[in-house]
Every structure is written in C-alpha cells, then in structure tokens.
Amino acid sequence: IDIILILVAMSAVAPPQDVKFKSINLRNIVEWSPGPGTPKGTWYAVEYAIYGEEDKAAPGQEVWKGVKACKKLRKTWCDLSTETSDLEEKYYARVRAVGKNGSSEWNHTDRFDPFLDTTFGPPVVNIVVKERQMFINLTGPMRWSNKESNEPMAEYYPGSLMLYNLSVHNKRTGQTVGISLQIPTLLLQDFNTLYCVSASVYFSSLPIITQVSLKQCVTTGKGK
C-alpha cells in the first residue's frame, strides 16, 4: 500500500505557485508560476468566486465559477476584467494544473478588491511648444477596455478628488519643481530652455498605488 501511495504522489502535478491578481487601470489579471517539476504539456484551469456569495447547497462554501476563456490554458495568466468588473464586490481566484496523470490541488489568490487594489497607470502627457511657451496637457489615466471607447478612471471614484502631480526639471537652472494640479493644464514660458516633464496622479484620501509617466524633454524657442 505504501508503494502505491508513493507512486500516486510522484505522478501528481505540482500546483501553481505565486497565484495573485495584478491590476492596472482595472484590467484585472490573475497570474501564477508553474509548480516545481511541472512537465511540458501541462495546462491550467481558472475559476473565480465573489466574496460573501455562498453555495446554497453547502453553506459556508464559496460559489466557484469557471472562466470560459481560461479552462485549458497553456499560458500562466488569465484576464478576469469582465468577471471582476463590479467595484463594489471583492473576489477570489483559484488555479490548478492539469497534466497527463491528473490534476493538482487548487491554489488561491488573496482576496482582491478592484476598487482599492488596482494601480492607476500614468496619465498621457501632451506637450506643445510655441516659441517661448510650453503648454502641458494631461489626460487620464483611462479605464482599460478591449473596446475602442474607454472612460477616465476618475469617474469611478466620484467621492475622492484625483489630482495630478507634475514634475518639471529645468535643465538650464538644474532645478526640479513638483507641481500639484487639479486642472490638467500648465503653461511655462522661457526662451531656449530644455524642460523634462513627467506626471502621475494621486488621491489624498485613498491608498491608491500610481505609476509615473516616462520623462519627456523639449526645448522652448530661442526667440529673436
């Protein structure tokens, strides 16, 4: 009997590791790493559950739902943006590996709150130079969508004020100035000056993680 149990254990597929949500602009992806010794040809199945939703037939148990696009995955991530789109809910996901000799145990994520756990991507920074004037306009960030139309992330946080944090480096003086903006437009005026600009957003009342845009550098006109 002991020999049979050992053989069964050796043939089982190792469960996925580091199963977690990664979310930017409410594109909510579950990702994981293969377990140790995972053989080639292994695929993965993903399910999700809504926190607090119980199985009526088994009180105290979550209602796990399959994801049609993630039932037989070769890759190590699954997009659950649609399934986790309600910002008033919290979610779990679980993943298991499936191989020729059977399935692994499920491995679960921590509880995921899309409203607070998503990362705000950087705003789009648009710079226009007209002679000595440099106009800076900031847009977004926008909620991720697989459609052409998308909406500003700020619209989903109506009770909190989103501000822009603009960093402007003046190459001539060597000074870097941080500017907080509620209106996403700024005008700078100086002849023949190289400015380097980057931006992010922040909320004073919410613990939201944000990303900073890539630095853009432009030079104002030399004048007459």
Foldseek 3Di string as FASTA:
>chain_A
DVVVVVVLVVLEFAWWAPWEWAAELLFTKTFTHGDPPGDPPKWKWKWKFWPPDADPVDPPHTDIDGDVVRGTHPHGMDTCSVVQVPQVIKMKMWMWIADPSGIYDIDIYDIGRSVAPHAYEFWDWDWDADAQKIKIFTHADWRDDPDPDTGHSVVVVVVWQKWKWKWKAWPVVRDIDIDIGSHRMDMDGDAFIKIKMKMWMDTPPGPHHYYIDDIDIDTHHNHD
